[in-house]
Amino acid sequence: MDDRLFRTAMSKFATGVTVISTEVDGAYHGMTANAFMSVSLNPQLILVSIANKAKFKPMVDQTGTFAVSLLAKGQEDISMHFAGQIKKEEGFTFASFDGMPVIDGAIATIACDVHNTSVQGDHTLYIGRVRDIAVADGDPLAYFSGKYYDIQLADGN
């Protein structure tokens, strides 16, 4: 099978959209990712996957910390900004949570310390030990087959 077929098949799995962020020498950095999942309740662990060639990867390696912002409906422009798809003229302003840069208006933010890593293929899996979590009301931003979607509940509510 070729890479295009594999990529197309993986795009058929609907996901939420996150921005992973960290601070290096007083500067905030972030990247869009949909490879995110919970790993363990005890201890509380989550996982993010970062491409080995990503400019963001050495930043997480250096700091040993990262935050995850689960984006809300209407935050497509933020996702595209941190995916490098659009450049905002005025830049982007982060909020702060537990000393970490996060996306204001996200439906959840999770501050983590790197607990473990595993290089798998062309990505590194980062297991984060959760330091703190904040949750807000709102609808999630979803991604499916290369497009953003609003999630509609099956019962119409």
N, C-alpha and C. Protein backbone atom coordinates (compact mmCIF):
# COMPACT_ATOMS: atom_id res chain seq x y z
N MET A 1 0.85 -1.18 0.00
CA MET A 1 0.00 0.00 0.00
C MET A 1 0.89 1.24 0.00
N ASP A 2 0.40 2.29 -0.62
CA ASP A 2 1.20 3.51 -0.67
C ASP A 2 0.83 4.45 0.49
N ASP A 3 1.67 5.48 0.69
CA ASP A 3 1.47 6.43 1.79
C ASP A 3 0.14 7.16 1.68
N ARG A 4 -0.28 7.49 0.45
CA ARG A 4 -1.52 8.24 0.24
C ARG A 4 -2.73 7.42 0.73
N LEU A 5 -2.77 6.13 0.41
CA LEU A 5 -3.87 5.27 0.85
C LEU A 5 -3.89 5.17 2.37
N PHE A 6 -2.74 5.00 2.98
CA PHE A 6 -2.65 4.94 4.44
C PHE A 6 -3.18 6.24 5.06
N ARG A 7 -2.72 7.38 4.54
CA ARG A 7 -3.15 8.68 5.06
C ARG A 7 -4.66 8.85 4.90
N THR A 8 -5.20 8.46 3.76
CA THR A 8 -6.64 8.57 3.52
C THR A 8 -7.42 7.71 4.50
N ALA A 9 -6.97 6.49 4.72
CA ALA A 9 -7.66 5.61 5.68
C ALA A 9 -7.62 6.19 7.08
N MET A 10 -6.49 6.74 7.51
CA MET A 10 -6.38 7.32 8.85
C MET A 10 -7.26 8.56 9.00
N SER A 11 -7.50 9.28 7.90
CA SER A 11 -8.34 10.48 7.96
C SER A 11 -9.81 10.14 8.17
N LYS A 12 -10.16 8.88 8.03
CA LYS A 12 -11.55 8.45 8.22
C LYS A 12 -11.89 8.22 9.70
N PHE A 13 -10.93 8.44 10.58
CA PHE A 13 -11.17 8.36 12.02
C PHE A 13 -11.39 9.79 12.52
N ALA A 14 -12.61 10.09 12.93
CA ALA A 14 -12.93 11.44 13.42
C ALA A 14 -12.21 11.67 14.75
N THR A 15 -11.60 12.86 14.88
CA THR A 15 -10.88 13.19 16.10
C THR A 15 -11.25 14.59 16.56
N GLY A 16 -10.90 14.87 17.79
CA GLY A 16 -10.90 16.24 18.26
C GLY A 16 -9.62 16.89 17.78
N VAL A 17 -9.50 18.19 18.02
CA VAL A 17 -8.31 18.93 17.60
C VAL A 17 -7.69 19.58 18.83
N THR A 18 -6.37 19.46 18.96
CA THR A 18 -5.67 20.04 20.10
C THR A 18 -4.55 20.95 19.61
N VAL A 19 -4.12 21.83 20.50
CA VAL A 19 -2.88 22.55 20.32
C VAL A 19 -2.00 22.16 21.50
N ILE A 20 -0.81 21.66 21.19
CA ILE A 20 0.17 21.31 22.22
C ILE A 20 1.10 22.51 22.33
N SER A 21 1.43 22.91 23.55
CA SER A 21 2.23 24.11 23.73
C SER A 21 3.25 23.95 24.84
N THR A 22 4.27 24.79 24.79
CA THR A 22 5.30 24.81 25.83
C THR A 22 5.98 26.18 25.82
N GLU A 23 6.79 26.43 26.82
CA GLU A 23 7.54 27.68 26.92
C GLU A 23 9.03 27.38 26.92
N VAL A 24 9.78 28.09 26.07
CA VAL A 24 11.23 27.94 26.00
C VAL A 24 11.84 29.33 26.15
N ASP A 25 12.63 29.51 27.18
CA ASP A 25 13.33 30.78 27.41
C ASP A 25 12.41 32.00 27.32
N GLY A 26 11.23 31.88 27.92
CA GLY A 26 10.29 32.99 27.96
C GLY A 26 9.43 33.15 26.73
N ALA A 27 9.65 32.35 25.68
CA ALA A 27 8.84 32.41 24.46
C ALA A 27 7.88 31.22 24.41
N TYR A 28 6.64 31.48 24.00
CA TYR A 28 5.62 30.43 23.91
C TYR A 28 5.59 29.85 22.50
N HIS A 29 5.41 28.53 22.42
CA HIS A 29 5.38 27.83 21.14
C HIS A 29 4.25 26.81 21.17
N GLY A 30 3.68 26.53 19.98
CA GLY A 30 2.61 25.54 19.91
C GLY A 30 2.55 24.87 18.57
N MET A 31 1.84 23.75 18.53
CA MET A 31 1.59 23.02 17.29
C MET A 31 0.23 22.34 17.38
N THR A 32 -0.45 22.24 16.25
CA THR A 32 -1.72 21.54 16.19
C THR A 32 -1.47 20.03 16.12
N ALA A 33 -2.30 19.29 16.84
CA ALA A 33 -2.19 17.82 16.80
C ALA A 33 -3.56 17.20 17.03
N ASN A 34 -3.83 16.12 16.34
CA ASN A 34 -5.04 15.36 16.65
C ASN A 34 -4.68 13.98 17.19
N ALA A 35 -3.39 13.69 17.31
CA ALA A 35 -2.93 12.43 17.90
C ALA A 35 -2.77 12.64 19.40
N PHE A 36 -3.87 12.46 20.11
CA PHE A 36 -3.96 12.70 21.55
C PHE A 36 -4.88 11.65 22.15
N MET A 37 -4.55 11.16 23.34
CA MET A 37 -5.44 10.22 24.01
C MET A 37 -5.10 10.12 25.50
N SER A 38 -6.08 9.69 26.27
CA SER A 38 -5.80 9.40 27.67
C SER A 38 -5.15 8.02 27.74
N VAL A 39 -4.30 7.83 28.74
CA VAL A 39 -3.56 6.57 28.88
C VAL A 39 -3.91 5.87 30.18
N SER A 40 -3.95 6.61 31.29
CA SER A 40 -4.12 5.99 32.60
C SER A 40 -4.82 6.94 33.55
N LEU A 41 -5.68 6.36 34.42
CA LEU A 41 -6.31 7.16 35.47
C LEU A 41 -5.44 7.23 36.72
N ASN A 42 -4.66 6.19 36.97
CA ASN A 42 -3.83 6.15 38.18
C ASN A 42 -2.49 5.51 37.85
N PRO A 43 -1.44 6.32 37.61
CA PRO A 43 -1.44 7.77 37.68
C PRO A 43 -2.13 8.37 36.46
N GLN A 44 -2.48 9.63 36.53
CA GLN A 44 -3.15 10.31 35.43
C GLN A 44 -2.12 10.64 34.35
N LEU A 45 -2.27 9.93 33.21
CA LEU A 45 -1.34 10.07 32.09
C LEU A 45 -2.10 10.29 30.80
N ILE A 46 -1.53 11.11 29.91
CA ILE A 46 -2.07 11.29 28.55
C ILE A 46 -0.92 11.07 27.57
N LEU A 47 -1.27 10.96 26.28
CA LEU A 47 -0.27 10.74 25.24
C LEU A 47 -0.50 11.70 24.09
N VAL A 48 0.59 12.27 23.58
CA VAL A 48 0.56 13.05 22.34
C VAL A 48 1.66 12.50 21.43
N SER A 49 1.43 12.61 20.14
CA SER A 49 2.40 12.13 19.16
C SER A 49 2.92 13.32 18.37
N ILE A 50 4.26 13.45 18.30
CA ILE A 50 4.88 14.57 17.61
C ILE A 50 5.86 14.02 16.57
N ALA A 51 5.76 14.53 15.35
CA ALA A 51 6.68 14.10 14.29
C ALA A 51 8.12 14.40 14.68
N ASN A 52 9.00 13.48 14.39
CA ASN A 52 10.41 13.67 14.73
C ASN A 52 11.03 14.87 14.02
N LYS A 53 10.49 15.26 12.86
CA LYS A 53 11.01 16.40 12.11
C LYS A 53 10.35 17.72 12.51
N ALA A 54 9.35 17.67 13.40
CA ALA A 54 8.63 18.89 13.79
C ALA A 54 9.55 19.85 14.54
N LYS A 55 9.46 21.14 14.22
CA LYS A 55 10.25 22.16 14.92
C LYS A 55 9.91 22.19 16.41
N PHE A 56 8.72 21.77 16.76
CA PHE A 56 8.24 21.81 18.13
C PHE A 56 8.86 20.71 19.01
N LYS A 57 9.24 19.58 18.42
CA LYS A 57 9.75 18.43 19.18
C LYS A 57 10.93 18.76 20.07
N PRO A 58 12.00 19.42 19.57
CA PRO A 58 13.13 19.71 20.46
C PRO A 58 12.76 20.64 21.61
N MET A 59 11.70 21.42 21.43
CA MET A 59 11.27 22.32 22.51
C MET A 59 10.71 21.52 23.68
N VAL A 60 9.90 20.51 23.38
CA VAL A 60 9.37 19.66 24.45
C VAL A 60 10.49 18.85 25.07
N ASP A 61 11.43 18.39 24.25
CA ASP A 61 12.58 17.65 24.77
C ASP A 61 13.37 18.53 25.75
N GLN A 62 13.53 19.80 25.40
CA GLN A 62 14.31 20.71 26.25
C GLN A 62 13.59 21.03 27.56
N THR A 63 12.30 21.34 27.49
CA THR A 63 11.57 21.79 28.68
C THR A 63 11.09 20.65 29.56
N GLY A 64 10.78 19.51 28.96
CA GLY A 64 10.22 18.40 29.73
C GLY A 64 8.80 18.67 30.20
N THR A 65 8.14 19.68 29.61
CA THR A 65 6.77 20.01 29.96
C THR A 65 6.00 20.36 28.70
N PHE A 66 4.69 20.19 28.75
CA PHE A 66 3.81 20.64 27.67
C PHE A 66 2.40 20.76 28.20
N ALA A 67 1.60 21.54 27.50
CA ALA A 67 0.18 21.65 27.80
C ALA A 67 -0.60 21.23 26.56
N VAL A 68 -1.81 20.75 26.78
CA VAL A 68 -2.70 20.37 25.69
C VAL A 68 -3.98 21.19 25.85
N SER A 69 -4.37 21.89 24.78
CA SER A 69 -5.63 22.63 24.76
C SER A 69 -6.55 21.92 23.78
N LEU A 70 -7.69 21.43 24.27
CA LEU A 70 -8.69 20.80 23.40
C LEU A 70 -9.55 21.91 22.84
N LEU A 71 -9.47 22.10 21.52
CA LEU A 71 -10.11 23.24 20.88
C LEU A 71 -11.62 23.11 20.82
N ALA A 72 -12.27 24.28 20.88
CA ALA A 72 -13.73 24.37 20.83
C ALA A 72 -14.18 24.69 19.41
N LYS A 73 -15.44 24.40 19.16
CA LYS A 73 -16.07 24.78 17.90
C LYS A 73 -15.81 26.26 17.68
N GLY A 74 -15.44 26.62 16.46
CA GLY A 74 -15.16 28.01 16.13
C GLY A 74 -13.69 28.38 16.23
N GLN A 75 -12.84 27.45 16.66
CA GLN A 75 -11.41 27.75 16.78
C GLN A 75 -10.59 27.15 15.63
N GLU A 76 -11.23 27.01 14.47
CA GLU A 76 -10.53 26.47 13.30
C GLU A 76 -9.32 27.32 12.93
N ASP A 77 -9.45 28.65 13.02
CA ASP A 77 -8.34 29.52 12.64
C ASP A 77 -7.14 29.32 13.55
N ILE A 78 -7.38 29.02 14.81
CA ILE A 78 -6.29 28.73 15.75
C ILE A 78 -5.60 27.42 15.36
N SER A 79 -6.41 26.41 15.04
CA SER A 79 -5.85 25.13 14.60
C SER A 79 -4.99 25.32 13.36
N MET A 80 -5.50 26.05 12.39
CA MET A 80 -4.76 26.27 11.14
C MET A 80 -3.50 27.10 11.38
N HIS A 81 -3.57 28.07 12.28
CA HIS A 81 -2.39 28.87 12.61
C HIS A 81 -1.26 27.98 13.14
N PHE A 82 -1.58 27.11 14.10
CA PHE A 82 -0.54 26.28 14.70
C PHE A 82 -0.18 25.06 13.86
N ALA A 83 -0.93 24.83 12.79
CA ALA A 83 -0.55 23.80 11.81
C ALA A 83 0.29 24.41 10.70
N GLY A 84 0.52 25.74 10.76
CA GLY A 84 1.31 26.42 9.74
C GLY A 84 0.56 26.65 8.46
N GLN A 85 -0.77 26.53 8.50
CA GLN A 85 -1.57 26.69 7.28
C GLN A 85 -1.95 28.14 7.02
N ILE A 86 -2.03 28.95 8.08
CA ILE A 86 -2.30 30.38 7.91
C ILE A 86 -1.40 31.15 8.87
N LYS A 87 -1.02 32.31 8.47
CA LYS A 87 -0.19 33.18 9.30
C LYS A 87 -1.02 34.40 9.65
N LYS A 88 -1.18 34.64 10.94
CA LYS A 88 -1.87 35.85 11.37
C LYS A 88 -0.86 36.99 11.39
N GLU A 89 -1.25 38.11 10.82
CA GLU A 89 -0.36 39.27 10.77
C GLU A 89 0.05 39.73 12.17
N GLU A 90 -0.93 39.73 13.10
CA GLU A 90 -0.66 40.24 14.43
C GLU A 90 -0.10 39.18 15.38
N GLY A 91 0.11 37.96 14.91
CA GLY A 91 0.62 36.90 15.77
C GLY A 91 -0.49 36.30 16.60
N PHE A 92 -0.13 35.64 17.67
CA PHE A 92 -1.11 34.96 18.49
C PHE A 92 -0.76 35.15 19.96
N THR A 93 -1.75 35.35 20.79
CA THR A 93 -1.55 35.55 22.22
C THR A 93 -2.04 34.31 22.97
N PHE A 94 -1.19 33.75 23.79
CA PHE A 94 -1.57 32.62 24.63
C PHE A 94 -2.15 33.12 25.95
N ALA A 95 -2.96 32.28 26.57
CA ALA A 95 -3.37 32.47 27.96
C ALA A 95 -2.38 31.66 28.80
N SER A 96 -2.51 31.72 30.12
CA SER A 96 -1.62 30.96 31.00
C SER A 96 -2.44 30.07 31.91
N PHE A 97 -1.96 28.85 32.10
CA PHE A 97 -2.60 27.89 33.01
C PHE A 97 -1.50 27.05 33.67
N ASP A 98 -1.46 27.06 34.97
CA ASP A 98 -0.45 26.31 35.73
C ASP A 98 0.97 26.62 35.22
N GLY A 99 1.17 27.89 34.87
CA GLY A 99 2.49 28.31 34.39
C GLY A 99 2.80 27.89 32.97
N MET A 100 1.80 27.37 32.26
CA MET A 100 1.99 26.89 30.89
C MET A 100 1.18 27.75 29.92
N PRO A 101 1.68 27.93 28.69
CA PRO A 101 0.88 28.63 27.67
C PRO A 101 -0.23 27.72 27.17
N VAL A 102 -1.45 28.26 27.09
CA VAL A 102 -2.60 27.48 26.62
C VAL A 102 -3.47 28.37 25.73
N ILE A 103 -4.43 27.76 25.07
CA ILE A 103 -5.35 28.46 24.18
C ILE A 103 -6.57 28.92 24.97
N ASP A 104 -6.79 30.23 24.99
CA ASP A 104 -7.96 30.78 25.65
C ASP A 104 -9.22 30.32 24.92
N GLY A 105 -10.23 29.91 25.67
CA GLY A 105 -11.48 29.46 25.07
C GLY A 105 -11.53 27.98 24.75
N ALA A 106 -10.45 27.24 25.02
CA ALA A 106 -10.45 25.78 24.80
C ALA A 106 -11.45 25.14 25.76
N ILE A 107 -11.99 23.99 25.38
CA ILE A 107 -12.96 23.32 26.24
C ILE A 107 -12.28 22.52 27.36
N ALA A 108 -11.00 22.29 27.24
CA ALA A 108 -10.21 21.68 28.32
C ALA A 108 -8.75 22.03 28.10
N THR A 109 -8.04 22.22 29.20
CA THR A 109 -6.60 22.42 29.14
C THR A 109 -5.95 21.48 30.14
N ILE A 110 -4.82 20.93 29.74
CA ILE A 110 -4.13 19.93 30.55
C ILE A 110 -2.66 20.29 30.60
N ALA A 111 -2.14 20.52 31.81
CA ALA A 111 -0.71 20.82 31.99
C ALA A 111 0.00 19.54 32.39
N CYS A 112 1.13 19.24 31.73
CA CYS A 112 1.82 17.96 31.93
C CYS A 112 3.33 18.12 32.07
N ASP A 113 3.92 17.17 32.77
CA ASP A 113 5.36 16.95 32.74
C ASP A 113 5.59 15.69 31.91
N VAL A 114 6.65 15.68 31.10
CA VAL A 114 6.95 14.48 30.32
C VAL A 114 7.29 13.36 31.29
N HIS A 115 6.56 12.26 31.18
CA HIS A 115 6.73 11.10 32.05
C HIS A 115 7.59 10.04 31.37
N ASN A 116 7.39 9.91 30.04
CA ASN A 116 8.10 8.89 29.28
C ASN A 116 7.99 9.23 27.79
N THR A 117 8.90 8.69 27.00
CA THR A 117 8.83 8.87 25.55
C THR A 117 9.13 7.53 24.87
N SER A 118 8.65 7.42 23.64
CA SER A 118 8.93 6.24 22.84
C SER A 118 8.96 6.65 21.37
N VAL A 119 10.09 6.43 20.72
CA VAL A 119 10.19 6.72 19.30
C VAL A 119 9.56 5.56 18.54
N GLN A 120 8.58 5.90 17.69
CA GLN A 120 7.87 4.90 16.89
C GLN A 120 7.77 5.41 15.47
N GLY A 121 8.54 4.79 14.57
CA GLY A 121 8.53 5.23 13.18
C GLY A 121 9.05 6.66 13.08
N ASP A 122 8.28 7.51 12.40
CA ASP A 122 8.71 8.90 12.20
C ASP A 122 8.14 9.86 13.24
N HIS A 123 7.60 9.33 14.34
CA HIS A 123 7.04 10.13 15.42
C HIS A 123 7.62 9.71 16.77
N THR A 124 7.52 10.61 17.73
CA THR A 124 7.82 10.28 19.13
C THR A 124 6.54 10.41 19.92
N LEU A 125 6.25 9.38 20.70
CA LEU A 125 5.08 9.39 21.58
C LEU A 125 5.52 9.94 22.93
N TYR A 126 4.85 10.99 23.39
CA TYR A 126 5.14 11.61 24.67
C TYR A 126 4.03 11.25 25.65
N ILE A 127 4.39 10.55 26.70
CA ILE A 127 3.45 10.28 27.79
C ILE A 127 3.61 11.44 28.78
N GLY A 128 2.52 12.14 29.03
CA GLY A 128 2.55 13.26 29.96
C GLY A 128 1.89 12.91 31.27
N ARG A 129 2.57 13.19 32.38
CA ARG A 129 1.96 13.04 33.70
C ARG A 129 1.22 14.34 33.99
N VAL A 130 -0.08 14.24 34.20
CA VAL A 130 -0.94 15.40 34.34
C VAL A 130 -0.68 16.11 35.67
N ARG A 131 -0.40 17.41 35.58
CA ARG A 131 -0.21 18.27 36.76
C ARG A 131 -1.50 18.95 37.16
N ASP A 132 -2.28 19.40 36.16
CA ASP A 132 -3.51 20.12 36.44
C ASP A 132 -4.40 20.09 35.21
N ILE A 133 -5.70 20.23 35.44
CA ILE A 133 -6.69 20.22 34.36
C ILE A 133 -7.72 21.30 34.63
N ALA A 134 -8.16 21.98 33.58
CA ALA A 134 -9.29 22.90 33.65
C ALA A 134 -10.27 22.50 32.54
N VAL A 135 -11.55 22.53 32.86
CA VAL A 135 -12.59 22.15 31.90
C VAL A 135 -13.60 23.29 31.79
N ALA A 136 -14.05 23.57 30.57
CA ALA A 136 -15.05 24.61 30.32
C ALA A 136 -16.18 24.02 29.48
N ASP A 137 -17.34 24.64 29.56
CA ASP A 137 -18.46 24.24 28.71
C ASP A 137 -18.18 24.65 27.28
N GLY A 138 -18.75 23.92 26.35
CA GLY A 138 -18.61 24.25 24.94
C GLY A 138 -18.62 23.00 24.10
N ASP A 139 -18.75 23.20 22.82
CA ASP A 139 -18.74 22.10 21.87
C ASP A 139 -17.34 21.94 21.29
N PRO A 140 -16.95 20.69 20.99
CA PRO A 140 -15.59 20.45 20.49
C PRO A 140 -15.45 20.78 19.01
N LEU A 141 -14.22 21.08 18.63
CA LEU A 141 -13.85 21.18 17.23
C LEU A 141 -13.46 19.77 16.78
N ALA A 142 -14.08 19.28 15.71
CA ALA A 142 -13.80 17.94 15.23
C ALA A 142 -13.12 18.00 13.86
N TYR A 143 -12.38 16.95 13.54
CA TYR A 143 -11.66 16.86 12.28
C TYR A 143 -11.90 15.48 11.68
N PHE A 144 -12.31 15.46 10.40
CA PHE A 144 -12.61 14.20 9.72
C PHE A 144 -12.34 14.37 8.24
N SER A 145 -11.57 13.45 7.69
CA SER A 145 -11.31 13.40 6.25
C SER A 145 -10.79 14.73 5.71
N GLY A 146 -9.90 15.37 6.51
CA GLY A 146 -9.25 16.59 6.06
C GLY A 146 -10.07 17.85 6.21
N LYS A 147 -11.20 17.78 6.95
CA LYS A 147 -12.07 18.96 7.12
C LYS A 147 -12.50 19.09 8.58
N TYR A 148 -12.81 20.33 8.97
CA TYR A 148 -13.35 20.60 10.30
C TYR A 148 -14.86 20.40 10.28
N TYR A 149 -15.39 19.92 11.41
CA TYR A 149 -16.82 19.67 11.53
C TYR A 149 -17.34 20.11 12.89
N ASP A 150 -18.62 20.47 12.89
CA ASP A 150 -19.35 20.66 14.15
C ASP A 150 -19.98 19.33 14.49
N ILE A 151 -19.90 18.93 15.73
CA ILE A 151 -20.48 17.66 16.15
C ILE A 151 -21.94 17.87 16.50
N GLN A 152 -22.80 17.05 15.96
CA GLN A 152 -24.23 17.06 16.26
C GLN A 152 -24.55 15.82 17.09
N LEU A 153 -25.20 16.03 18.24
CA LEU A 153 -25.57 14.89 19.05
C LEU A 153 -26.64 14.06 18.35
N ALA A 154 -26.59 12.75 18.51
CA ALA A 154 -27.50 11.84 17.82
C ALA A 154 -28.96 12.10 18.18
N ASP A 155 -29.23 12.51 19.43
CA ASP A 155 -30.63 12.74 19.83
C ASP A 155 -31.09 14.16 19.55
N GLY A 156 -30.23 14.97 18.89
CA GLY A 156 -30.61 16.31 18.49
C GLY A 156 -30.44 17.36 19.57
N ASN A 157 -29.97 17.00 20.74
CA ASN A 157 -29.77 17.99 21.83
C ASN A 157 -28.39 18.56 21.81
